[in-house]
Amino acid sequence: MLEATEYYLKHLESLNHSLPLHHLTAAVRKEFGRRFAQGEISKRHLEGMGTASRRLDEHFGQRDAQTIKGAEIKAWLASSPWAGQTRNGLLSYFKSIFNTGKELNLVNANPLLDIKRFALSKVSKKSFPKFLTVPQLTALLNAADSQLIPFLAICSFAGLRSAECKSLTWAAVDLARNVITVPEHISKNGQERKIPVSPNLHAWLSTSRVRENYIYPRDGHSEHLKQLMRTAKEKSGLWPWRPRFQNSLRKSFCSYHYEMHGSADRTAEYAGHDIRMLIKIYRHSVDHEEAQRYWEIYPKRLKSDKVGVHTLQHIGTG
């Protein structure tokens, strides 16, 4: 009888602290905005938290935050079309949301505290390409709209994460000194890094007629750009992109850069992660001749082309 009474009292106490989940996520977003303003977190972390919290709102927003079970959230993620790594990334953000809510005294407990990450199948990964071949990247760049060329070229030949490159401005690209500076506020690890601009990357970036604002255009036509990207990937035979070719531009940079220069330290430094991560995830074995061809992918504007349309040539490939 005593145990039942205690359980009932705890239940009443939890009801007194109840609130809709969308109120919790709004408070958490406000708190993370404060942390960003104080320099406690990176812009990438802020944006990631914002995206994750909105996705959580879409499915559970009207629910009482105190009644949501961790198993429910994991079951929802398991039924989603997202890749395993994306599910784990969202799960990590969701845990942080509830932890922050607990710190703000908005919830009594984190329902995801004992929920484990999704296991990533090693068997399924065997059939996925680890990097793009020279013909594949050639086809992708050849099929891409001119607006997308700087973004694709920097991801492929400088190794930036797609989220970093989408936040990068042209002011960070110094073609006179041949260096790209990734500011700490957009770097995933919160540390500034400088990446040399290879000759072929310099050539690709020099083809761009617009060199102001963001590398990845932010003109209010994001859906249009997504469609342009999908079209390029379809034409080059790389669709569906996920999960088959996810992170393949970054993996290509790491694999071909390491093989070309033979320095794990340097490759890891430019990619913005430690050597263990480089060896475990991003670097894969490629032939040296193939690496040479990779760094010899240059743009060439033919006389018959219209302005902004490019075809490719391989310099020195015989």
C-alpha atoms as a PDB file:
ATOM      1  CA  MET A   1       0.000   0.000   0.000  1.00  0.00           C
ATOM      2  CA  LEU A   2       2.841   2.354   0.875  1.00  0.00           C
ATOM      3  CA  GLU A   3       4.588   1.682  -2.452  1.00  0.00           C
ATOM      4  CA  ALA A   4       1.372   2.424  -4.356  1.00  0.00           C
ATOM      5  CA  THR A   5       0.969   5.706  -2.504  1.00  0.00           C
ATOM      6  CA  GLU A   6       4.536   6.760  -3.243  1.00  0.00           C
ATOM      7  CA  TYR A   7       4.072   5.891  -6.915  1.00  0.00           C
ATOM      8  CA  TYR A   8       0.875   7.972  -7.051  1.00  0.00           C
ATOM      9  CA  LEU A   9       2.560  10.952  -5.388  1.00  0.00           C
ATOM     10  CA  LYS A  10       5.441  10.800  -7.862  1.00  0.00           C
ATOM     11  CA  HIS A  11       2.897  10.625 -10.692  1.00  0.00           C
ATOM     12  CA  LEU A  12       1.140  13.767  -9.396  1.00  0.00           C
ATOM     13  CA  GLU A  13       4.467  15.528  -9.064  1.00  0.00           C
ATOM     14  CA  SER A  14       5.335  14.730 -12.682  1.00  0.00           C
ATOM     15  CA  LEU A  15       1.969  16.115 -13.826  1.00  0.00           C
ATOM     16  CA  ASN A  16       2.707  19.369 -12.046  1.00  0.00           C
ATOM     17  CA  HIS A  17       5.851  19.692 -14.157  1.00  0.00           C
ATOM     18  CA  SER A  18       4.193  18.682 -17.412  1.00  0.00           C
ATOM     19  CA  LEU A  19       4.323  20.807 -20.575  1.00  0.00           C
ATOM     20  CA  PRO A  20       3.948  20.206 -24.321  1.00  0.00           C
ATOM     21  CA  LEU A  21       7.132  19.042 -25.978  1.00  0.00           C
ATOM     22  CA  HIS A  22       7.169  21.994 -28.384  1.00  0.00           C
ATOM     23  CA  HIS A  23       7.426  24.317 -25.355  1.00  0.00           C
ATOM     24  CA  LEU A  24      10.415  22.312 -24.126  1.00  0.00           C
ATOM     25  CA  THR A  25      12.190  22.410 -27.492  1.00  0.00           C
ATOM     26  CA  ALA A  26      11.517  26.145 -27.827  1.00  0.00           C
ATOM     27  CA  ALA A  27      13.169  26.735 -24.456  1.00  0.00           C
ATOM     28  CA  VAL A  28      16.106  24.518 -25.416  1.00  0.00           C
ATOM     29  CA  ARG A  29      16.592  26.383 -28.713  1.00  0.00           C
ATOM     30  CA  LYS A  30      16.613  29.650 -26.769  1.00  0.00           C
ATOM     31  CA  GLU A  31      19.219  28.258 -24.383  1.00  0.00           C
ATOM     32  CA  PHE A  32      21.402  27.076 -27.249  1.00  0.00           C
ATOM     33  CA  GLY A  33      21.064  30.485 -28.861  1.00  0.00           C
ATOM     34  CA  ARG A  34      22.460  31.957 -25.656  1.00  0.00           C
ATOM     35  CA  ARG A  35      25.322  29.450 -25.641  1.00  0.00           C
ATOM     36  CA  PHE A  36      26.181  30.317 -29.232  1.00  0.00           C
ATOM     37  CA  ALA A  37      26.119  34.053 -28.471  1.00  0.00           C
ATOM     38  CA  GLN A  38      28.486  33.423 -25.550  1.00  0.00           C
ATOM     39  CA  GLY A  39      30.836  31.380 -27.737  1.00  0.00           C
ATOM     40  CA  GLU A  40      30.120  28.139 -25.870  1.00  0.00           C
ATOM     41  CA  ILE A  41      29.066  26.167 -28.965  1.00  0.00           C
ATOM     42  CA  SER A  42      29.700  26.355 -32.701  1.00  0.00           C
ATOM     43  CA  LYS A  43      27.235  27.589 -35.313  1.00  0.00           C
ATOM     44  CA  ARG A  44      27.121  24.071 -36.740  1.00  0.00           C
ATOM     45  CA  HIS A  45      26.075  22.708 -33.333  1.00  0.00           C
ATOM     46  CA  LEU A  46      23.409  25.397 -33.035  1.00  0.00           C
ATOM     47  CA  GLU A  47      22.016  24.612 -36.489  1.00  0.00           C
ATOM     48  CA  GLY A  48      22.116  20.868 -35.832  1.00  0.00           C
ATOM     49  CA  MET A  49      20.207  21.292 -32.601  1.00  0.00           C
ATOM     50  CA  GLY A  50      17.648  23.475 -34.346  1.00  0.00           C
ATOM     51  CA  THR A  51      17.075  20.925 -37.100  1.00  0.00           C
ATOM     52  CA  ALA A  52      16.821  18.013 -34.661  1.00  0.00           C
ATOM     53  CA  SER A  53      14.418  19.813 -32.318  1.00  0.00           C
ATOM     54  CA  ARG A  54      12.105  20.725 -35.194  1.00  0.00           C
ATOM     55  CA  ARG A  55      12.035  17.119 -36.363  1.00  0.00           C
ATOM     56  CA  LEU A  56      11.165  16.024 -32.839  1.00  0.00           C
ATOM     57  CA  ASP A  57       8.392  18.644 -32.772  1.00  0.00           C
ATOM     58  CA  GLU A  58       6.930  17.371 -36.034  1.00  0.00           C
ATOM     59  CA  HIS A  59       6.251  13.973 -34.506  1.00  0.00           C
ATOM     60  CA  PHE A  60       5.831  14.593 -30.759  1.00  0.00           C
ATOM     61  CA  GLY A  61       5.337  18.354 -30.483  1.00  0.00           C
ATOM     62  CA  GLN A  62       1.834  18.297 -28.987  1.00  0.00           C
ATOM     63  CA  ARG A  63       2.613  15.487 -26.551  1.00  0.00           C
ATOM     64  CA  ASP A  64       3.279  16.065 -22.870  1.00  0.00           C
ATOM     65  CA  ALA A  65       7.070  15.951 -22.652  1.00  0.00           C
ATOM     66  CA  GLN A  66       6.872  13.984 -19.395  1.00  0.00           C
ATOM     67  CA  THR A  67       4.914  11.130 -21.001  1.00  0.00           C
ATOM     68  CA  ILE A  68       7.166  10.487 -23.988  1.00  0.00           C
ATOM     69  CA  LYS A  69       9.129   7.251 -23.694  1.00  0.00           C
ATOM     70  CA  GLY A  70      12.604   6.717 -25.068  1.00  0.00           C
ATOM     71  CA  ALA A  71      11.451   3.497 -26.727  1.00  0.00           C
ATOM     72  CA  GLU A  72       8.826   5.481 -28.648  1.00  0.00           C
ATOM     73  CA  ILE A  73      11.413   7.863 -30.025  1.00  0.00           C
ATOM     74  CA  LYS A  74      13.750   5.068 -31.041  1.00  0.00           C
ATOM     75  CA  ALA A  75      10.922   3.137 -32.698  1.00  0.00           C
ATOM     76  CA  TRP A  76       9.996   6.250 -34.698  1.00  0.00           C
ATOM     77  CA  LEU A  77      13.610   6.709 -35.824  1.00  0.00           C
ATOM     78  CA  ALA A  78      13.842   3.010 -36.692  1.00  0.00           C
ATOM     79  CA  SER A  79      10.839   3.315 -39.018  1.00  0.00           C
ATOM     80  CA  SER A  80      12.218   6.425 -40.736  1.00  0.00           C
ATOM     81  CA  PRO A  81      13.939   6.399 -44.177  1.00  0.00           C
ATOM     82  CA  TRP A  82      17.094   7.960 -42.707  1.00  0.00           C
ATOM     83  CA  ALA A  83      20.417   6.155 -42.784  1.00  0.00           C
ATOM     84  CA  GLY A  84      21.801   4.633 -39.599  1.00  0.00           C
ATOM     85  CA  GLN A  85      24.334   7.403 -39.032  1.00  0.00           C
ATOM     86  CA  THR A  86      21.629  10.049 -39.428  1.00  0.00           C
ATOM     87  CA  ARG A  87      19.416   8.232 -36.912  1.00  0.00           C
ATOM     88  CA  ASN A  88      22.257   8.089 -34.410  1.00  0.00           C
ATOM     89  CA  GLY A  89      23.025  11.756 -34.963  1.00  0.00           C
ATOM     90  CA  LEU A  90      19.407  12.708 -34.281  1.00  0.00           C
ATOM     91  CA  LEU A  91      19.301  10.413 -31.260  1.00  0.00           C
ATOM     92  CA  SER A  92      22.337  12.183 -29.835  1.00  0.00           C
ATOM     93  CA  TYR A  93      20.714  15.602 -30.317  1.00  0.00           C
ATOM     94  CA  PHE A  94      17.438  14.369 -28.797  1.00  0.00           C
ATOM     95  CA  LYS A  95      19.305  13.191 -25.695  1.00  0.00           C
ATOM     96  CA  SER A  96      20.893  16.612 -25.432  1.00  0.00           C
ATOM     97  CA  ILE A  97      17.487  18.280 -25.731  1.00  0.00           C
ATOM     98  CA  PHE A  98      16.085  16.340 -22.780  1.00  0.00           C
ATOM     99  CA  ASN A  99      19.288  16.792 -20.757  1.00  0.00           C
ATOM    100  CA  THR A 100      19.068  20.534 -21.290  1.00  0.00           C
ATOM    101  CA  GLY A 101      15.365  20.468 -20.423  1.00  0.00           C
ATOM    102  CA  LYS A 102      16.242  18.741 -17.173  1.00  0.00           C
ATOM    103  CA  GLU A 103      18.908  21.373 -16.437  1.00  0.00           C
ATOM    104  CA  LEU A 104      16.248  24.052 -17.004  1.00  0.00           C
ATOM    105  CA  ASN A 105      13.927  22.186 -14.605  1.00  0.00           C
ATOM    106  CA  LEU A 106      11.357  21.626 -17.347  1.00  0.00           C
ATOM    107  CA  VAL A 107      11.342  17.818 -17.154  1.00  0.00           C
ATOM    108  CA  ASN A 108      12.133  15.420 -14.341  1.00  0.00           C
ATOM    109  CA  ALA A 109      14.145  12.907 -16.331  1.00  0.00           C
ATOM    110  CA  ASN A 110      15.685  12.129 -19.711  1.00  0.00           C
ATOM    111  CA  PRO A 111      13.688   9.275 -21.313  1.00  0.00           C
ATOM    112  CA  LEU A 112      16.596   8.538 -23.640  1.00  0.00           C
ATOM    113  CA  LEU A 113      19.184   8.121 -20.919  1.00  0.00           C
ATOM    114  CA  ASP A 114      19.388   4.319 -21.248  1.00  0.00           C
ATOM    115  CA  ILE A 115      18.521   4.107 -24.956  1.00  0.00           C
ATOM    116  CA  LYS A 116      21.379   2.669 -27.013  1.00  0.00           C
ATOM    117  CA  ARG A 117      22.517   3.859 -30.417  1.00  0.00           C
ATOM    118  CA  PHE A 118      21.513   2.038 -33.596  1.00  0.00           C
ATOM    119  CA  ALA A 119      23.912  -0.695 -34.650  1.00  0.00           C
ATOM    120  CA  LEU A 120      25.372  -0.032 -38.098  1.00  0.00           C
ATOM    121  CA  SER A 121      25.527  -3.127 -40.270  1.00  0.00           C
ATOM    122  CA  LYS A 122      29.044  -3.962 -41.367  1.00  0.00           C
ATOM    123  CA  VAL A 123      27.645  -6.360 -43.949  1.00  0.00           C
ATOM    124  CA  SER A 124      25.585  -3.722 -45.742  1.00  0.00           C
ATOM    125  CA  LYS A 125      28.544  -1.346 -45.773  1.00  0.00           C
ATOM    126  CA  LYS A 126      30.592  -3.775 -47.864  1.00  0.00           C
ATOM    127  CA  SER A 127      28.517  -3.015 -50.947  1.00  0.00           C
ATOM    128  CA  PHE A 128      28.812   0.759 -50.565  1.00  0.00           C
ATOM    129  CA  PRO A 129      31.526   2.646 -52.462  1.00  0.00           C
ATOM    130  CA  LYS A 130      34.085   4.204 -50.131  1.00  0.00           C
ATOM    131  CA  PHE A 131      34.997   7.026 -52.496  1.00  0.00           C
ATOM    132  CA  LEU A 132      34.244   8.277 -55.982  1.00  0.00           C
ATOM    133  CA  THR A 133      36.339   7.078 -58.872  1.00  0.00           C
ATOM    134  CA  VAL A 134      37.856   9.664 -61.203  1.00  0.00           C
ATOM    135  CA  PRO A 135      35.233   8.948 -63.913  1.00  0.00           C
ATOM    136  CA  GLN A 136      32.429   9.263 -61.338  1.00  0.00           C
ATOM    137  CA  LEU A 137      33.607  12.621 -60.023  1.00  0.00           C
ATOM    138  CA  THR A 138      34.270  13.758 -63.570  1.00  0.00           C
ATOM    139  CA  ALA A 139      30.703  12.870 -64.518  1.00  0.00           C
ATOM    140  CA  LEU A 140      29.285  14.648 -61.461  1.00  0.00           C
ATOM    141  CA  LEU A 141      31.167  17.889 -62.065  1.00  0.00           C
ATOM    142  CA  ASN A 142      30.362  17.731 -65.745  1.00  0.00           C
ATOM    143  CA  ALA A 143      26.638  17.358 -65.018  1.00  0.00           C
ATOM    144  CA  ALA A 144      26.453  19.997 -62.262  1.00  0.00           C
ATOM    145  CA  ASP A 145      24.948  23.434 -62.750  1.00  0.00           C
ATOM    146  CA  SER A 146      27.519  26.229 -62.519  1.00  0.00           C
ATOM    147  CA  GLN A 147      25.971  27.406 -59.211  1.00  0.00           C
ATOM    148  CA  LEU A 148      26.981  24.113 -57.592  1.00  0.00           C
ATOM    149  CA  ILE A 149      30.525  23.855 -58.962  1.00  0.00           C
ATOM    150  CA  PRO A 150      32.300  25.786 -56.139  1.00  0.00           C
ATOM    151  CA  PHE A 151      30.539  23.731 -53.467  1.00  0.00           C
ATOM    152  CA  LEU A 152      31.257  20.370 -55.113  1.00  0.00           C
ATOM    153  CA  ALA A 153      34.851  21.313 -55.945  1.00  0.00           C
ATOM    154  CA  ILE A 154      35.680  22.458 -52.408  1.00  0.00           C
ATOM    155  CA  CYS A 155      34.141  19.346 -50.851  1.00  0.00           C
ATOM    156  CA  SER A 156      36.037  17.133 -53.315  1.00  0.00           C
ATOM    157  CA  PHE A 157      39.434  18.848 -53.415  1.00  0.00           C
ATOM    158  CA  ALA A 158      39.622  20.541 -49.981  1.00  0.00           C
ATOM    159  CA  GLY A 159      37.759  17.965 -47.915  1.00  0.00           C
ATOM    160  CA  LEU A 160      35.244  20.225 -46.180  1.00  0.00           C
ATOM    161  CA  ARG A 161      32.177  18.652 -44.650  1.00  0.00           C
ATOM    162  CA  SER A 162      29.056  19.560 -46.605  1.00  0.00           C
ATOM    163  CA  ALA A 163      27.639  21.486 -43.614  1.00  0.00           C
ATOM    164  CA  GLU A 164      30.898  23.429 -43.270  1.00  0.00           C
ATOM    165  CA  CYS A 165      30.983  24.267 -46.957  1.00  0.00           C
ATOM    166  CA  LYS A 166      27.376  25.435 -46.936  1.00  0.00           C
ATOM    167  CA  SER A 167      28.296  27.925 -44.187  1.00  0.00           C
ATOM    168  CA  LEU A 168      31.524  29.024 -45.894  1.00  0.00           C
ATOM    169  CA  THR A 169      31.668  32.441 -47.565  1.00  0.00           C
ATOM    170  CA  TRP A 170      33.818  33.559 -50.472  1.00  0.00           C
ATOM    171  CA  ALA A 171      35.660  35.847 -48.053  1.00  0.00           C
ATOM    172  CA  ALA A 172      37.276  32.703 -46.608  1.00  0.00           C
ATOM    173  CA  VAL A 173      38.672  31.700 -50.020  1.00  0.00           C
ATOM    174  CA  ASP A 174      41.927  33.457 -50.877  1.00  0.00           C
ATOM    175  CA  LEU A 175      42.851  32.534 -54.438  1.00  0.00           C
ATOM    176  CA  ALA A 176      45.779  34.964 -54.413  1.00  0.00           C
ATOM    177  CA  ARG A 177      47.442  33.061 -51.559  1.00  0.00           C
ATOM    178  CA  ASN A 178      45.836  29.725 -52.483  1.00  0.00           C
ATOM    179  CA  VAL A 179      44.348  29.024 -49.078  1.00  0.00           C
ATOM    180  CA  ILE A 180      40.887  28.369 -47.666  1.00  0.00           C
ATOM    181  CA  THR A 181      40.285  29.326 -44.039  1.00  0.00           C
ATOM    182  CA  VAL A 182      37.564  27.393 -42.242  1.00  0.00           C
ATOM    183  CA  PRO A 183      36.532  29.694 -39.362  1.00  0.00           C
ATOM    184  CA  GLU A 184      36.094  28.179 -35.931  1.00  0.00           C
ATOM    185  CA  HIS A 185      32.420  29.114 -35.768  1.00  0.00           C
ATOM    186  CA  ILE A 186      31.548  26.837 -38.706  1.00  0.00           C
ATOM    187  CA  SER A 187      34.160  24.135 -38.107  1.00  0.00           C
ATOM    188  CA  LYS A 188      32.648  20.972 -36.624  1.00  0.00           C
ATOM    189  CA  ASN A 189      35.354  20.712 -33.955  1.00  0.00           C
ATOM    190  CA  GLY A 190      35.276  24.449 -33.234  1.00  0.00           C
ATOM    191  CA  GLN A 191      38.861  24.966 -34.387  1.00  0.00           C
ATOM    192  CA  GLU A 192      39.987  27.146 -37.261  1.00  0.00           C
ATOM    193  CA  ARG A 193      41.924  25.356 -39.977  1.00  0.00           C
ATOM    194  CA  LYS A 194      43.626  26.419 -43.173  1.00  0.00           C
ATOM    195  CA  ILE A 195      43.608  24.237 -46.281  1.00  0.00           C
ATOM    196  CA  PRO A 196      45.815  24.854 -49.314  1.00  0.00           C
ATOM    197  CA  VAL A 197      44.039  25.308 -52.633  1.00  0.00           C
ATOM    198  CA  SER A 198      45.347  22.723 -55.081  1.00  0.00           C
ATOM    199  CA  PRO A 199      45.987  23.836 -58.683  1.00  0.00           C
ATOM    200  CA  ASN A 200      42.933  22.024 -60.006  1.00  0.00           C
ATOM    201  CA  LEU A 201      40.702  23.426 -57.234  1.00  0.00           C
ATOM    202  CA  HIS A 202      42.004  26.906 -58.043  1.00  0.00           C
ATOM    203  CA  ALA A 203      41.019  26.335 -61.657  1.00  0.00           C
ATOM    204  CA  TRP A 204      37.521  25.200 -60.681  1.00  0.00           C
ATOM    205  CA  LEU A 205      36.933  28.145 -58.370  1.00  0.00           C
ATOM    206  CA  SER A 206      38.271  30.562 -60.968  1.00  0.00           C
ATOM    207  CA  THR A 207      35.451  29.549 -63.311  1.00  0.00           C
ATOM    208  CA  SER A 208      32.845  30.995 -60.949  1.00  0.00           C
ATOM    209  CA  ARG A 209      31.494  34.343 -62.100  1.00  0.00           C
ATOM    210  CA  VAL A 210      29.940  35.081 -58.689  1.00  0.00           C
ATOM    211  CA  ARG A 211      32.390  35.338 -55.806  1.00  0.00           C
ATOM    212  CA  GLU A 212      30.454  36.982 -53.015  1.00  0.00           C
ATOM    213  CA  ASN A 213      28.381  35.838 -50.072  1.00  0.00           C
ATOM    214  CA  TYR A 214      28.147  32.066 -49.586  1.00  0.00           C
ATOM    215  CA  ILE A 215      29.852  29.310 -51.566  1.00  0.00           C
ATOM    216  CA  TYR A 216      26.537  27.449 -51.592  1.00  0.00           C
ATOM    217  CA  PRO A 217      24.013  30.078 -52.711  1.00  0.00           C
ATOM    218  CA  ARG A 218      21.484  31.243 -50.151  1.00  0.00           C
ATOM    219  CA  ASP A 219      19.060  33.041 -52.371  1.00  0.00           C
ATOM    220  CA  GLY A 220      15.822  31.650 -51.003  1.00  0.00           C
ATOM    221  CA  HIS A 221      15.693  28.937 -53.635  1.00  0.00           C
ATOM    222  CA  SER A 222      16.962  26.005 -51.576  1.00  0.00           C
ATOM    223  CA  GLU A 223      14.483  23.573 -53.112  1.00  0.00           C
ATOM    224  CA  HIS A 224      15.620  24.649 -56.572  1.00  0.00           C
ATOM    225  CA  LEU A 225      19.256  23.990 -55.623  1.00  0.00           C
ATOM    226  CA  LYS A 226      18.343  20.603 -54.167  1.00  0.00           C
ATOM    227  CA  GLN A 227      16.690  19.711 -57.448  1.00  0.00           C
ATOM    228  CA  LEU A 228      19.749  20.880 -59.408  1.00  0.00           C
ATOM    229  CA  MET A 229      21.945  18.705 -57.188  1.00  0.00           C
ATOM    230  CA  ARG A 230      19.687  15.710 -57.637  1.00  0.00           C
ATOM    231  CA  THR A 231      19.658  16.206 -61.399  1.00  0.00           C
ATOM    232  CA  ALA A 232      23.462  16.261 -61.497  1.00  0.00           C
ATOM    233  CA  LYS A 233      23.674  13.080 -59.438  1.00  0.00           C
ATOM    234  CA  GLU A 234      21.069  11.345 -61.569  1.00  0.00           C
ATOM    235  CA  LYS A 235      22.829  12.285 -64.809  1.00  0.00           C
ATOM    236  CA  SER A 236      26.152  11.035 -63.471  1.00  0.00           C
ATOM    237  CA  GLY A 237      24.682   7.714 -62.314  1.00  0.00           C
ATOM    238  CA  LEU A 238      25.089   8.519 -58.602  1.00  0.00           C
ATOM    239  CA  TRP A 239      21.451   8.453 -57.555  1.00  0.00           C
ATOM    240  CA  PRO A 240      20.197   7.536 -55.043  1.00  0.00           C
ATOM    241  CA  TRP A 241      23.038   9.346 -53.297  1.00  0.00           C
ATOM    242  CA  ARG A 242      22.197   8.114 -49.796  1.00  0.00           C
ATOM    243  CA  PRO A 243      23.220   5.826 -48.291  1.00  0.00           C
ATOM    244  CA  ARG A 244      25.426   4.547 -51.141  1.00  0.00           C
ATOM    245  CA  PHE A 245      27.533   7.668 -51.707  1.00  0.00           C
ATOM    246  CA  GLN A 246      27.016   9.513 -48.429  1.00  0.00           C
ATOM    247  CA  ASN A 247      30.228  11.351 -47.423  1.00  0.00           C
ATOM    248  CA  SER A 248      31.920  10.082 -50.589  1.00  0.00           C
ATOM    249  CA  LEU A 249      33.297  13.513 -51.550  1.00  0.00           C
ATOM    250  CA  ARG A 250      35.046  13.837 -48.208  1.00  0.00           C
ATOM    251  CA  LYS A 251      36.203  10.206 -48.328  1.00  0.00           C
ATOM    252  CA  SER A 252      37.540  10.834 -51.822  1.00  0.00           C
ATOM    253  CA  PHE A 253      39.561  13.820 -50.644  1.00  0.00           C
ATOM    254  CA  CYS A 254      41.035  11.913 -47.696  1.00  0.00           C
ATOM    255  CA  SER A 255      41.841   8.816 -49.735  1.00  0.00           C
ATOM    256  CA  TYR A 256      43.382  10.549 -52.732  1.00  0.00           C
ATOM    257  CA  HIS A 257      45.178  13.228 -50.693  1.00  0.00           C
ATOM    258  CA  TYR A 258      46.791  10.670 -48.405  1.00  0.00           C
ATOM    259  CA  GLU A 259      47.904   8.504 -51.332  1.00  0.00           C
ATOM    260  CA  MET A 260      49.256  11.494 -53.218  1.00  0.00           C
ATOM    261  CA  HIS A 261      51.183  13.076 -50.331  1.00  0.00           C
ATOM    262  CA  GLY A 262      51.777  10.165 -47.944  1.00  0.00           C
ATOM    263  CA  SER A 263      51.135  12.198 -44.795  1.00  0.00           C
ATOM    264  CA  ALA A 264      48.394  11.066 -42.436  1.00  0.00           C
ATOM    265  CA  ASP A 265      49.130  14.073 -40.203  1.00  0.00           C
ATOM    266  CA  ARG A 266      48.635  16.565 -43.018  1.00  0.00           C
ATOM    267  CA  THR A 267      45.536  14.888 -44.445  1.00  0.00           C
ATOM    268  CA  ALA A 268      43.901  14.672 -41.014  1.00  0.00           C
ATOM    269  CA  GLU A 269      44.801  18.310 -40.303  1.00  0.00           C
ATOM    270  CA  TYR A 270      43.153  19.547 -43.486  1.00  0.00           C
ATOM    271  CA  ALA A 271      40.095  17.328 -43.006  1.00  0.00           C
ATOM    272  CA  GLY A 272      39.650  18.531 -39.435  1.00  0.00           C
ATOM    273  CA  HIS A 273      39.761  15.277 -37.485  1.00  0.00           C
ATOM    274  CA  ASP A 274      42.364  13.110 -35.773  1.00  0.00           C
ATOM    275  CA  ILE A 275      44.459  10.417 -37.435  1.00  0.00           C
ATOM    276  CA  ARG A 276      42.487   7.573 -35.875  1.00  0.00           C
ATOM    277  CA  MET A 277      39.298   8.876 -37.454  1.00  0.00           C
ATOM    278  CA  LEU A 278      41.106   9.296 -40.770  1.00  0.00           C
ATOM    279  CA  ILE A 279      42.284   5.688 -40.824  1.00  0.00           C
ATOM    280  CA  LYS A 280      39.072   4.172 -39.451  1.00  0.00           C
ATOM    281  CA  ILE A 281      36.464   5.977 -41.540  1.00  0.00           C
ATOM    282  CA  TYR A 282      37.731   8.294 -44.245  1.00  0.00           C
ATOM    283  CA  ARG A 283      40.904   6.923 -45.813  1.00  0.00           C
ATOM    284  CA  HIS A 284      40.616   4.006 -48.190  1.00  0.00           C
ATOM    285  CA  SER A 285      43.174   2.363 -50.419  1.00  0.00           C
ATOM    286  CA  VAL A 286      43.517   3.829 -53.911  1.00  0.00           C
ATOM    287  CA  ASP A 287      46.130   3.322 -56.614  1.00  0.00           C
ATOM    288  CA  HIS A 288      48.778   6.008 -56.866  1.00  0.00           C
ATOM    289  CA  GLU A 289      48.129   6.492 -60.582  1.00  0.00           C
ATOM    290  CA  GLU A 290      44.439   6.964 -59.820  1.00  0.00           C
ATOM    291  CA  ALA A 291      45.349   9.568 -57.185  1.00  0.00           C
ATOM    292  CA  GLN A 292      47.418  11.432 -59.758  1.00  0.00           C
ATOM    293  CA  ARG A 293      44.469  11.466 -62.134  1.00  0.00           C
ATOM    294  CA  TYR A 294      42.191  12.711 -59.348  1.00  0.00           C
ATOM    295  CA  TRP A 295      44.306  15.802 -58.764  1.00  0.00           C
ATOM    296  CA  GLU A 296      44.475  16.406 -62.495  1.00  0.00           C
ATOM    297  CA  ILE A 297      40.751  16.924 -63.007  1.00  0.00           C
ATOM    298  CA  TYR A 298      40.552  20.417 -64.475  1.00  0.00           C
ATOM    299  CA  PRO A 299      37.690  22.409 -66.004  1.00  0.00           C
ATOM    300  CA  LYS A 300      37.880  23.494 -69.597  1.00  0.00           C
ATOM    301  CA  ARG A 301      35.451  25.893 -71.250  1.00  0.00           C
ATOM    302  CA  LEU A 302      34.978  25.023 -74.892  1.00  0.00           C
ATOM    303  CA  LYS A 303      34.397  27.785 -77.403  1.00  0.00           C
ATOM    304  CA  SER A 304      31.012  26.349 -78.318  1.00  0.00           C
ATOM    305  CA  ASP A 305      29.848  26.308 -74.695  1.00  0.00           C
ATOM    306  CA  LYS A 306      27.572  28.920 -73.252  1.00  0.00           C
ATOM    307  CA  VAL A 307      28.893  31.038 -70.401  1.00  0.00           C
ATOM    308  CA  GLY A 308      28.875  29.057 -67.148  1.00  0.00           C
ATOM    309  CA  VAL A 309      28.743  25.623 -68.770  1.00  0.00           C
ATOM    310  CA  HIS A 310      31.862  23.510 -68.341  1.00  0.00           C
ATOM    311  CA  THR A 311      33.301  20.248 -69.585  1.00  0.00           C
ATOM    312  CA  LEU A 312      36.270  18.417 -68.169  1.00  0.00           C
ATOM    313  CA  GLN A 313      39.665  17.406 -69.303  1.00  0.00           C
ATOM    314  CA  HIS A 314      42.238  15.254 -67.532  1.00  0.00           C
ATOM    315  CA  ILE A 315      45.605  16.970 -67.757  1.00  0.00           C
ATOM    316  CA  GLY A 316      48.460  14.555 -68.259  1.00  0.00           C
ATOM    317  CA  THR A 317      46.374  11.365 -68.271  1.00  0.00           C
ATOM    318  CA  GLY A 318      47.628  10.338 -71.668  1.00  0.00           C
END
